[in-house]
N, C-alpha and C. Protein backbone atom coordinates (compact mmCIF):
# COMPACT_ATOMS: atom_id res chain seq x y z
N MET A 1 105.31 4.52 122.59
CA MET A 1 104.63 3.27 122.29
C MET A 1 105.68 2.27 121.79
N SER A 2 105.65 1.07 122.31
CA SER A 2 106.63 0.07 121.90
C SER A 2 106.28 -0.47 120.51
N ARG A 3 107.25 -1.14 119.92
CA ARG A 3 107.04 -1.71 118.58
C ARG A 3 105.92 -2.75 118.58
N VAL A 4 105.83 -3.53 119.62
CA VAL A 4 104.78 -4.55 119.72
C VAL A 4 103.42 -3.86 119.76
N SER A 5 103.29 -2.81 120.53
CA SER A 5 102.02 -2.08 120.63
C SER A 5 101.67 -1.46 119.29
N GLN A 6 102.66 -0.87 118.61
CA GLN A 6 102.42 -0.29 117.29
C GLN A 6 101.93 -1.36 116.30
N PHE A 7 102.56 -2.52 116.37
CA PHE A 7 102.17 -3.61 115.48
C PHE A 7 100.73 -4.05 115.76
N LEU A 8 100.38 -4.18 117.05
CA LEU A 8 99.02 -4.60 117.42
C LEU A 8 97.98 -3.57 116.96
N VAL A 9 98.28 -2.28 117.11
CA VAL A 9 97.36 -1.24 116.67
C VAL A 9 97.19 -1.30 115.15
N ALA A 10 98.29 -1.47 114.43
CA ALA A 10 98.23 -1.57 112.97
C ALA A 10 97.46 -2.80 112.54
N ALA A 11 97.67 -3.93 113.21
CA ALA A 11 96.98 -5.17 112.85
C ALA A 11 95.48 -5.03 113.08
N VAL A 12 95.08 -4.42 114.21
CA VAL A 12 93.66 -4.23 114.49
C VAL A 12 93.04 -3.31 113.46
N PHE A 13 93.76 -2.23 113.10
CA PHE A 13 93.26 -1.30 112.09
C PHE A 13 93.07 -2.01 110.75
N LEU A 14 94.09 -2.78 110.32
CA LEU A 14 94.00 -3.49 109.04
C LEU A 14 92.88 -4.51 109.04
N LEU A 15 92.72 -5.25 110.11
CA LEU A 15 91.66 -6.24 110.19
C LEU A 15 90.29 -5.59 110.13
N SER A 16 90.12 -4.46 110.82
CA SER A 16 88.81 -3.81 110.82
C SER A 16 88.50 -3.21 109.45
N THR A 17 89.50 -2.63 108.78
CA THR A 17 89.25 -2.05 107.45
C THR A 17 89.09 -3.14 106.41
N SER A 18 89.84 -4.22 106.52
CA SER A 18 89.69 -5.30 105.53
C SER A 18 88.34 -5.99 105.69
N ALA A 19 87.84 -6.08 106.91
CA ALA A 19 86.52 -6.67 107.11
C ALA A 19 85.45 -5.79 106.47
N ALA A 20 85.61 -4.46 106.56
CA ALA A 20 84.65 -3.55 105.93
C ALA A 20 84.70 -3.68 104.42
N PHE A 21 85.90 -3.79 103.85
CA PHE A 21 86.03 -3.96 102.41
C PHE A 21 85.50 -5.31 101.96
N ALA A 22 85.71 -6.35 102.74
CA ALA A 22 85.29 -7.71 102.36
C ALA A 22 83.78 -7.79 102.18
N GLU A 23 83.04 -6.98 102.93
CA GLU A 23 81.59 -7.00 102.78
C GLU A 23 81.16 -6.50 101.40
N ASP A 24 81.96 -5.64 100.79
CA ASP A 24 81.63 -5.08 99.49
C ASP A 24 82.12 -5.94 98.33
N ILE A 25 82.91 -6.94 98.61
CA ILE A 25 83.51 -7.76 97.56
C ILE A 25 82.66 -9.00 97.34
N LYS A 26 82.33 -9.25 96.07
CA LYS A 26 81.59 -10.45 95.70
C LYS A 26 82.41 -11.17 94.64
N VAL A 27 82.78 -12.41 94.92
CA VAL A 27 83.68 -13.16 94.05
C VAL A 27 82.99 -14.43 93.58
N GLY A 28 83.22 -14.78 92.33
CA GLY A 28 82.73 -16.04 91.78
C GLY A 28 83.81 -16.66 90.92
N PHE A 29 83.56 -17.87 90.43
CA PHE A 29 84.52 -18.50 89.54
C PHE A 29 83.80 -19.31 88.48
N VAL A 30 84.51 -19.55 87.39
CA VAL A 30 84.01 -20.40 86.32
C VAL A 30 85.11 -21.38 85.93
N ASP A 31 84.71 -22.54 85.49
CA ASP A 31 85.64 -23.53 84.96
C ASP A 31 85.59 -23.40 83.44
N MET A 32 86.49 -22.61 82.89
CA MET A 32 86.47 -22.30 81.46
C MET A 32 86.64 -23.56 80.61
N GLN A 33 87.47 -24.48 81.04
CA GLN A 33 87.68 -25.70 80.25
C GLN A 33 86.42 -26.55 80.23
N ARG A 34 85.78 -26.69 81.37
CA ARG A 34 84.52 -27.44 81.41
C ARG A 34 83.45 -26.75 80.57
N ALA A 35 83.38 -25.44 80.66
CA ALA A 35 82.41 -24.69 79.86
C ALA A 35 82.67 -24.88 78.38
N LEU A 36 83.93 -24.86 77.98
CA LEU A 36 84.28 -25.09 76.58
C LEU A 36 83.80 -26.46 76.12
N ASN A 37 84.01 -27.46 76.96
CA ASN A 37 83.63 -28.83 76.61
C ASN A 37 82.12 -29.06 76.62
N GLU A 38 81.39 -28.22 77.36
CA GLU A 38 79.96 -28.45 77.50
C GLU A 38 79.07 -27.50 76.71
N THR A 39 79.64 -26.48 76.09
CA THR A 39 78.82 -25.62 75.24
C THR A 39 78.64 -26.30 73.89
N ASP A 40 77.56 -25.96 73.21
CA ASP A 40 77.29 -26.56 71.90
C ASP A 40 78.42 -26.27 70.92
N ASP A 41 78.88 -25.02 70.88
CA ASP A 41 79.97 -24.66 69.97
C ASP A 41 81.27 -25.38 70.34
N GLY A 42 81.50 -25.54 71.64
CA GLY A 42 82.71 -26.24 72.08
C GLY A 42 82.70 -27.70 71.66
N ARG A 43 81.54 -28.33 71.78
CA ARG A 43 81.42 -29.73 71.35
C ARG A 43 81.65 -29.86 69.85
N LYS A 44 81.06 -28.94 69.08
CA LYS A 44 81.24 -28.98 67.62
C LYS A 44 82.71 -28.79 67.26
N ALA A 45 83.37 -27.84 67.91
CA ALA A 45 84.78 -27.60 67.64
C ALA A 45 85.61 -28.83 67.99
N LYS A 46 85.29 -29.46 69.11
CA LYS A 46 86.01 -30.65 69.55
C LYS A 46 85.84 -31.79 68.54
N GLU A 47 84.61 -31.98 68.03
CA GLU A 47 84.36 -33.02 67.03
C GLU A 47 85.14 -32.74 65.75
N LYS A 48 85.13 -31.48 65.33
CA LYS A 48 85.85 -31.10 64.11
C LYS A 48 87.35 -31.34 64.27
N LEU A 49 87.88 -30.96 65.42
CA LEU A 49 89.31 -31.16 65.67
C LEU A 49 89.65 -32.65 65.77
N LYS A 50 88.76 -33.44 66.35
CA LYS A 50 89.00 -34.88 66.45
C LYS A 50 89.05 -35.53 65.07
N LYS A 51 88.15 -35.13 64.17
CA LYS A 51 88.18 -35.67 62.82
C LYS A 51 89.50 -35.34 62.14
N ASP A 52 89.94 -34.11 62.29
CA ASP A 52 91.20 -33.68 61.69
C ASP A 52 92.36 -34.46 62.30
N PHE A 53 92.34 -34.61 63.63
CA PHE A 53 93.39 -35.36 64.32
C PHE A 53 93.43 -36.80 63.83
N ASP A 54 92.25 -37.44 63.74
CA ASP A 54 92.18 -38.84 63.30
C ASP A 54 92.75 -39.02 61.90
N GLN A 55 92.45 -38.06 61.02
CA GLN A 55 92.96 -38.12 59.65
C GLN A 55 94.49 -38.02 59.64
N LYS A 56 95.01 -37.07 60.39
CA LYS A 56 96.46 -36.88 60.45
C LYS A 56 97.14 -38.08 61.13
N GLN A 57 96.50 -38.64 62.15
CA GLN A 57 97.06 -39.80 62.84
C GLN A 57 97.12 -41.00 61.91
N LYS A 58 96.10 -41.17 61.09
CA LYS A 58 96.07 -42.28 60.14
C LYS A 58 97.24 -42.16 59.16
N GLU A 59 97.45 -40.96 58.65
CA GLU A 59 98.57 -40.72 57.73
C GLU A 59 99.90 -41.04 58.40
N LEU A 60 100.05 -40.59 59.63
CA LEU A 60 101.29 -40.83 60.38
C LEU A 60 101.48 -42.31 60.67
N ASP A 61 100.42 -43.00 61.04
CA ASP A 61 100.48 -44.44 61.30
C ASP A 61 100.92 -45.21 60.06
N GLU A 62 100.40 -44.80 58.91
CA GLU A 62 100.79 -45.45 57.66
C GLU A 62 102.28 -45.26 57.37
N GLN A 63 102.77 -44.05 57.58
CA GLN A 63 104.19 -43.78 57.36
C GLN A 63 105.05 -44.59 58.33
N GLN A 64 104.64 -44.66 59.58
CA GLN A 64 105.40 -45.41 60.58
C GLN A 64 105.39 -46.90 60.27
N ALA A 65 104.26 -47.42 59.83
CA ALA A 65 104.17 -48.84 59.49
C ALA A 65 105.08 -49.18 58.31
N GLN A 66 105.11 -48.30 57.31
CA GLN A 66 105.97 -48.52 56.15
C GLN A 66 107.44 -48.51 56.56
N LEU A 67 107.80 -47.54 57.41
CA LEU A 67 109.18 -47.45 57.88
C LEU A 67 109.56 -48.68 58.70
N LYS A 68 108.67 -49.12 59.56
CA LYS A 68 108.93 -50.31 60.38
C LYS A 68 109.15 -51.53 59.49
N LYS A 69 108.34 -51.66 58.46
CA LYS A 69 108.47 -52.79 57.54
C LYS A 69 109.84 -52.75 56.85
N GLU A 70 110.25 -51.58 56.42
CA GLU A 70 111.55 -51.45 55.75
C GLU A 70 112.70 -51.76 56.71
N ILE A 71 112.57 -51.35 57.96
CA ILE A 71 113.61 -51.66 58.95
C ILE A 71 113.69 -53.17 59.18
N GLU A 72 112.54 -53.81 59.30
CA GLU A 72 112.51 -55.26 59.49
C GLU A 72 113.10 -55.98 58.27
N ASP A 73 112.80 -55.50 57.07
CA ASP A 73 113.37 -56.09 55.85
C ASP A 73 114.89 -55.97 55.86
N LEU A 74 115.39 -54.82 56.25
CA LEU A 74 116.84 -54.63 56.30
C LEU A 74 117.46 -55.56 57.33
N ASP A 75 116.82 -55.69 58.47
CA ASP A 75 117.36 -56.58 59.51
C ASP A 75 117.44 -58.03 59.02
N LYS A 76 116.46 -58.45 58.23
CA LYS A 76 116.46 -59.82 57.70
C LYS A 76 117.58 -60.01 56.67
N LYS A 77 117.86 -58.97 55.87
CA LYS A 77 118.83 -59.08 54.78
C LYS A 77 120.23 -58.60 55.18
N ARG A 78 120.37 -58.10 56.40
CA ARG A 78 121.63 -57.49 56.84
C ARG A 78 122.84 -58.40 56.61
N THR A 79 122.73 -59.67 56.93
CA THR A 79 123.87 -60.58 56.80
C THR A 79 124.14 -60.97 55.35
N LEU A 80 123.14 -60.82 54.47
CA LEU A 80 123.29 -61.20 53.07
C LEU A 80 123.86 -60.06 52.21
N LEU A 81 123.69 -58.82 52.66
CA LEU A 81 124.13 -57.66 51.87
C LEU A 81 125.55 -57.24 52.23
N PRO A 82 126.25 -56.65 51.27
CA PRO A 82 127.57 -56.10 51.58
C PRO A 82 127.44 -54.93 52.57
N ALA A 83 128.49 -54.68 53.33
CA ALA A 83 128.48 -53.66 54.38
C ALA A 83 128.14 -52.27 53.84
N ASP A 84 128.67 -51.92 52.63
CA ASP A 84 128.38 -50.60 52.08
C ASP A 84 126.90 -50.44 51.72
N LYS A 85 126.27 -51.51 51.26
CA LYS A 85 124.83 -51.47 50.94
C LYS A 85 124.00 -51.33 52.23
N VAL A 86 124.43 -52.00 53.29
CA VAL A 86 123.73 -51.91 54.58
C VAL A 86 123.80 -50.46 55.09
N ARG A 87 125.00 -49.85 55.02
CA ARG A 87 125.15 -48.46 55.47
C ARG A 87 124.30 -47.52 54.61
N GLU A 88 124.28 -47.77 53.32
CA GLU A 88 123.49 -46.95 52.40
C GLU A 88 121.99 -47.04 52.76
N LYS A 89 121.53 -48.26 52.99
CA LYS A 89 120.12 -48.49 53.33
C LYS A 89 119.79 -47.88 54.69
N GLU A 90 120.72 -47.99 55.66
CA GLU A 90 120.51 -47.38 56.97
C GLU A 90 120.40 -45.86 56.84
N GLY A 91 121.21 -45.27 55.97
CA GLY A 91 121.12 -43.83 55.73
C GLY A 91 119.77 -43.44 55.16
N GLU A 92 119.27 -44.24 54.20
CA GLU A 92 117.96 -43.98 53.62
C GLU A 92 116.86 -44.07 54.68
N LEU A 93 116.98 -45.04 55.56
CA LEU A 93 115.98 -45.22 56.60
C LEU A 93 116.02 -44.07 57.62
N ARG A 94 117.23 -43.56 57.91
CA ARG A 94 117.35 -42.41 58.82
C ARG A 94 116.64 -41.19 58.21
N VAL A 95 116.82 -40.99 56.91
CA VAL A 95 116.17 -39.87 56.22
C VAL A 95 114.64 -40.03 56.29
N LYS A 96 114.17 -41.25 56.08
CA LYS A 96 112.72 -41.50 56.16
C LYS A 96 112.20 -41.28 57.57
N LEU A 97 112.99 -41.70 58.57
CA LEU A 97 112.59 -41.49 59.96
C LEU A 97 112.48 -39.99 60.26
N GLU A 98 113.44 -39.22 59.78
CA GLU A 98 113.40 -37.76 59.98
C GLU A 98 112.16 -37.17 59.31
N LYS A 99 111.80 -37.67 58.15
CA LYS A 99 110.60 -37.17 57.46
C LYS A 99 109.34 -37.49 58.27
N VAL A 100 109.30 -38.69 58.84
CA VAL A 100 108.15 -39.06 59.68
C VAL A 100 108.09 -38.13 60.90
N GLN A 101 109.23 -37.86 61.51
CA GLN A 101 109.27 -36.96 62.67
C GLN A 101 108.85 -35.54 62.28
N GLN A 102 109.28 -35.09 61.11
CA GLN A 102 108.89 -33.76 60.63
C GLN A 102 107.39 -33.71 60.36
N THR A 103 106.85 -34.78 59.81
CA THR A 103 105.40 -34.85 59.57
C THR A 103 104.66 -34.76 60.90
N TYR A 104 105.13 -35.49 61.90
CA TYR A 104 104.51 -35.45 63.22
C TYR A 104 104.52 -34.02 63.77
N MET A 105 105.67 -33.36 63.73
CA MET A 105 105.79 -31.99 64.25
C MET A 105 104.88 -31.04 63.48
N ARG A 106 104.83 -31.18 62.17
CA ARG A 106 103.98 -30.32 61.33
C ARG A 106 102.51 -30.53 61.70
N HIS A 107 102.11 -31.78 61.89
CA HIS A 107 100.73 -32.08 62.27
C HIS A 107 100.40 -31.48 63.65
N GLN A 108 101.33 -31.61 64.59
CA GLN A 108 101.12 -31.06 65.92
C GLN A 108 100.90 -29.55 65.85
N GLN A 109 101.76 -28.85 65.12
CA GLN A 109 101.64 -27.40 64.99
C GLN A 109 100.33 -27.02 64.31
N ASP A 110 99.98 -27.77 63.27
CA ASP A 110 98.75 -27.50 62.54
C ASP A 110 97.53 -27.68 63.44
N LEU A 111 97.52 -28.76 64.20
CA LEU A 111 96.39 -29.02 65.10
C LEU A 111 96.30 -27.98 66.21
N GLN A 112 97.44 -27.56 66.74
CA GLN A 112 97.43 -26.53 67.78
C GLN A 112 96.89 -25.22 67.23
N GLY A 113 97.30 -24.86 66.02
CA GLY A 113 96.80 -23.64 65.39
C GLY A 113 95.30 -23.70 65.15
N LYS A 114 94.82 -24.84 64.68
CA LYS A 114 93.38 -24.99 64.44
C LYS A 114 92.60 -24.96 65.75
N GLU A 115 93.15 -25.59 66.79
CA GLU A 115 92.47 -25.58 68.08
C GLU A 115 92.36 -24.15 68.61
N GLN A 116 93.45 -23.41 68.50
CA GLN A 116 93.45 -22.03 68.97
C GLN A 116 92.43 -21.20 68.19
N LYS A 117 92.39 -21.39 66.89
CA LYS A 117 91.45 -20.64 66.05
C LYS A 117 90.00 -20.99 66.40
N GLU A 118 89.73 -22.27 66.60
CA GLU A 118 88.36 -22.72 66.91
C GLU A 118 87.91 -22.24 68.28
N THR A 119 88.80 -22.27 69.26
CA THR A 119 88.39 -21.94 70.63
C THR A 119 88.46 -20.45 70.93
N GLN A 120 89.21 -19.69 70.18
CA GLN A 120 89.36 -18.26 70.46
C GLN A 120 88.00 -17.54 70.42
N LYS A 121 87.21 -17.80 69.41
CA LYS A 121 85.90 -17.16 69.29
C LYS A 121 84.99 -17.56 70.45
N ILE A 122 85.07 -18.82 70.83
CA ILE A 122 84.23 -19.32 71.93
C ILE A 122 84.63 -18.64 73.24
N PHE A 123 85.93 -18.56 73.51
CA PHE A 123 86.39 -17.92 74.74
C PHE A 123 86.05 -16.44 74.75
N GLU A 124 86.09 -15.78 73.59
CA GLU A 124 85.72 -14.37 73.53
C GLU A 124 84.25 -14.18 73.91
N ARG A 125 83.38 -15.04 73.39
CA ARG A 125 81.95 -14.96 73.75
C ARG A 125 81.75 -15.28 75.22
N MET A 126 82.48 -16.26 75.73
CA MET A 126 82.36 -16.60 77.15
C MET A 126 82.77 -15.41 78.02
N THR A 127 83.84 -14.75 77.64
CA THR A 127 84.31 -13.61 78.41
C THR A 127 83.27 -12.50 78.43
N LYS A 128 82.61 -12.28 77.29
CA LYS A 128 81.55 -11.27 77.22
C LYS A 128 80.39 -11.66 78.14
N ILE A 129 80.01 -12.92 78.13
CA ILE A 129 78.91 -13.39 78.98
C ILE A 129 79.30 -13.28 80.45
N ILE A 130 80.53 -13.61 80.77
CA ILE A 130 81.01 -13.49 82.16
C ILE A 130 80.92 -12.03 82.61
N SER A 131 81.29 -11.11 81.74
CA SER A 131 81.19 -9.68 82.07
C SER A 131 79.73 -9.29 82.32
N GLU A 132 78.82 -9.83 81.52
CA GLU A 132 77.39 -9.54 81.72
C GLU A 132 76.90 -10.08 83.05
N ILE A 133 77.33 -11.29 83.39
CA ILE A 133 76.95 -11.88 84.68
C ILE A 133 77.50 -11.02 85.82
N ALA A 134 78.76 -10.62 85.70
CA ALA A 134 79.40 -9.81 86.74
C ALA A 134 78.65 -8.49 86.93
N ALA A 135 78.27 -7.86 85.83
CA ALA A 135 77.57 -6.58 85.92
C ALA A 135 76.17 -6.76 86.51
N ALA A 136 75.45 -7.78 86.04
CA ALA A 136 74.08 -7.99 86.49
C ALA A 136 74.00 -8.41 87.95
N GLU A 137 74.97 -9.17 88.39
CA GLU A 137 74.94 -9.70 89.76
C GLU A 137 75.89 -8.97 90.71
N ASN A 138 76.49 -7.90 90.24
CA ASN A 138 77.38 -7.06 91.05
C ASN A 138 78.57 -7.83 91.62
N PHE A 139 79.20 -8.66 90.76
CA PHE A 139 80.41 -9.35 91.18
C PHE A 139 81.60 -8.41 91.07
N SER A 140 82.48 -8.45 92.05
CA SER A 140 83.71 -7.68 92.00
C SER A 140 84.74 -8.38 91.14
N MET A 141 84.66 -9.71 91.16
CA MET A 141 85.67 -10.50 90.48
C MET A 141 85.11 -11.88 90.15
N ILE A 142 85.43 -12.36 88.94
CA ILE A 142 85.14 -13.73 88.55
C ILE A 142 86.44 -14.29 87.99
N VAL A 143 86.91 -15.38 88.56
CA VAL A 143 88.20 -15.96 88.15
C VAL A 143 88.00 -17.35 87.56
N ASP A 144 89.01 -17.81 86.85
CA ASP A 144 88.98 -19.15 86.27
C ASP A 144 89.30 -20.18 87.35
N ARG A 145 88.61 -21.28 87.33
CA ARG A 145 88.78 -22.36 88.32
C ARG A 145 90.22 -22.85 88.37
N SER A 146 90.90 -22.84 87.24
CA SER A 146 92.27 -23.35 87.21
C SER A 146 93.22 -22.52 88.07
N ALA A 147 92.81 -21.28 88.41
CA ALA A 147 93.66 -20.42 89.23
C ALA A 147 93.35 -20.56 90.72
N LEU A 148 92.41 -21.41 91.07
CA LEU A 148 91.98 -21.54 92.47
C LEU A 148 92.55 -22.78 93.13
N VAL A 149 92.78 -22.66 94.40
CA VAL A 149 93.13 -23.81 95.21
C VAL A 149 91.86 -24.33 95.89
N PHE A 150 91.03 -23.40 96.36
CA PHE A 150 89.78 -23.77 97.00
C PHE A 150 88.76 -22.67 96.78
N ALA A 151 87.52 -23.08 96.59
CA ALA A 151 86.38 -22.15 96.54
C ALA A 151 85.13 -22.92 96.92
N LYS A 152 84.24 -22.26 97.58
CA LYS A 152 82.98 -22.90 97.96
C LYS A 152 82.17 -23.14 96.69
N PRO A 153 81.53 -24.29 96.60
CA PRO A 153 80.78 -24.65 95.38
C PRO A 153 79.71 -23.65 94.98
N HIS A 154 79.10 -22.95 95.93
CA HIS A 154 78.03 -22.00 95.57
C HIS A 154 78.56 -20.79 94.80
N LEU A 155 79.88 -20.62 94.75
CA LEU A 155 80.47 -19.51 94.00
C LEU A 155 80.73 -19.88 92.53
N ASP A 156 80.48 -21.13 92.17
CA ASP A 156 80.73 -21.62 90.81
C ASP A 156 79.64 -21.12 89.86
N LEU A 157 80.03 -20.37 88.85
CA LEU A 157 79.10 -19.80 87.87
C LEU A 157 79.17 -20.52 86.53
N THR A 158 79.85 -21.66 86.49
CA THR A 158 80.06 -22.37 85.22
C THR A 158 78.74 -22.79 84.58
N ASN A 159 77.83 -23.34 85.35
CA ASN A 159 76.55 -23.77 84.78
C ASN A 159 75.79 -22.59 84.18
N GLU A 160 75.83 -21.46 84.86
CA GLU A 160 75.17 -20.25 84.36
C GLU A 160 75.82 -19.78 83.05
N LEU A 161 77.14 -19.84 83.00
CA LEU A 161 77.85 -19.46 81.78
C LEU A 161 77.45 -20.37 80.62
N ILE A 162 77.43 -21.67 80.86
CA ILE A 162 77.07 -22.62 79.80
C ILE A 162 75.62 -22.39 79.36
N ARG A 163 74.72 -22.20 80.32
CA ARG A 163 73.31 -21.98 80.00
C ARG A 163 73.14 -20.71 79.15
N ARG A 164 73.78 -19.65 79.55
CA ARG A 164 73.67 -18.40 78.78
C ARG A 164 74.32 -18.53 77.41
N TYR A 165 75.47 -19.17 77.37
CA TYR A 165 76.16 -19.33 76.09
C TYR A 165 75.28 -20.11 75.11
N ASN A 166 74.80 -21.25 75.54
CA ASN A 166 73.96 -22.06 74.66
C ASN A 166 72.64 -21.37 74.35
N GLY A 167 72.12 -20.59 75.30
CA GLY A 167 70.88 -19.85 75.08
C GLY A 167 71.03 -18.75 74.05
N THR A 168 72.14 -18.04 74.11
CA THR A 168 72.36 -16.97 73.13
C THR A 168 72.78 -17.52 71.79
N ALA A 169 73.43 -18.68 71.79
CA ALA A 169 73.84 -19.29 70.52
C ALA A 169 72.62 -19.75 69.74
N ALA A 170 71.59 -20.17 70.46
CA ALA A 170 70.37 -20.65 69.80
C ALA A 170 69.56 -19.50 69.21
N LYS A 171 69.79 -18.29 69.72
CA LYS A 171 69.03 -17.12 69.25
C LYS A 171 69.93 -16.22 68.40
N ALA A 172 69.68 -16.12 67.17
CA ALA A 172 70.29 -15.14 66.26
C ALA A 172 71.79 -14.95 66.47
N GLY A 173 72.52 -16.01 66.59
CA GLY A 173 73.98 -15.94 66.67
C GLY A 173 74.52 -15.19 67.85
N GLY A 174 73.82 -15.20 68.95
CA GLY A 174 74.36 -14.60 70.17
C GLY A 174 73.97 -13.14 70.35
N SER A 175 73.08 -12.57 69.52
CA SER A 175 72.74 -11.17 69.67
C SER A 175 71.56 -10.95 70.60
N ALA A 176 70.96 -12.02 71.08
CA ALA A 176 69.82 -11.89 71.99
C ALA A 176 70.31 -11.50 73.38
N PRO A 177 69.47 -10.80 74.14
CA PRO A 177 69.89 -10.43 75.49
C PRO A 177 70.04 -11.66 76.37
N ALA A 178 70.95 -11.57 77.30
CA ALA A 178 71.21 -12.71 78.18
C ALA A 178 70.13 -12.80 79.24
N ALA A 179 69.85 -14.01 79.66
CA ALA A 179 68.87 -14.25 80.72
C ALA A 179 69.47 -13.85 82.05
N PRO A 180 68.65 -13.51 83.04
CA PRO A 180 69.21 -13.12 84.33
C PRO A 180 69.95 -14.28 84.98
N ALA A 181 70.96 -13.94 85.75
CA ALA A 181 71.77 -14.96 86.43
C ALA A 181 70.99 -15.56 87.58
N ALA A 182 71.32 -16.82 87.88
CA ALA A 182 70.71 -17.48 89.04
C ALA A 182 71.19 -16.77 90.30
N LYS A 183 70.30 -16.64 91.25
CA LYS A 183 70.66 -15.97 92.50
C LYS A 183 71.63 -16.82 93.29
N GLN A 184 72.64 -16.17 93.83
CA GLN A 184 73.62 -16.83 94.66
C GLN A 184 73.12 -16.83 96.10
N PRO A 185 73.33 -17.90 96.85
CA PRO A 185 72.94 -17.90 98.26
C PRO A 185 73.73 -16.83 99.01
N PRO A 186 73.16 -16.26 100.04
CA PRO A 186 73.88 -15.21 100.80
C PRO A 186 75.13 -15.77 101.46
N LYS A 187 76.13 -14.88 101.59
CA LYS A 187 77.38 -15.29 102.26
C LYS A 187 77.13 -15.42 103.74
N LYS A 188 77.85 -16.35 104.32
CA LYS A 188 77.70 -16.57 105.78
C LYS A 188 78.86 -15.97 106.49
């Protein structure tokens, strides 16, 4: 048998077996970021983080405004002051600028830590609900939308995830049984 014939036989075999396996595979996807933004807990976390961000931004804006004012004052007095005083004042302003930059970095790290803490519990509950949907509806795989290039819209389980999440959150802190998943249209 020639190499071309061997390749054709192997290709036909693989195509026929993969078609048989494909019938047993059921795949869906969820948009985890959208679900986070649309669940009740996600909205609350977002509001809490926004308040914290606004407070930190206000503090940073005040520091930047003060520094800008001092720089402008130095620029106005630069020609009137001796050179050593100008250098001394420039050094002080550099130190203040570094402090503002350190404050910014500290705020960024703090906000990232708080965001991670707030969203971790939500994502854990979402993952549990996704597992329940997968088991109840016999899904082989459910992936995050961010990992997809294309998927048919009927495979999107995000609305079901949000509905179940908000439904269980309203009942005894999530200990209530999940509602059945919406039926997916048959594959064509």
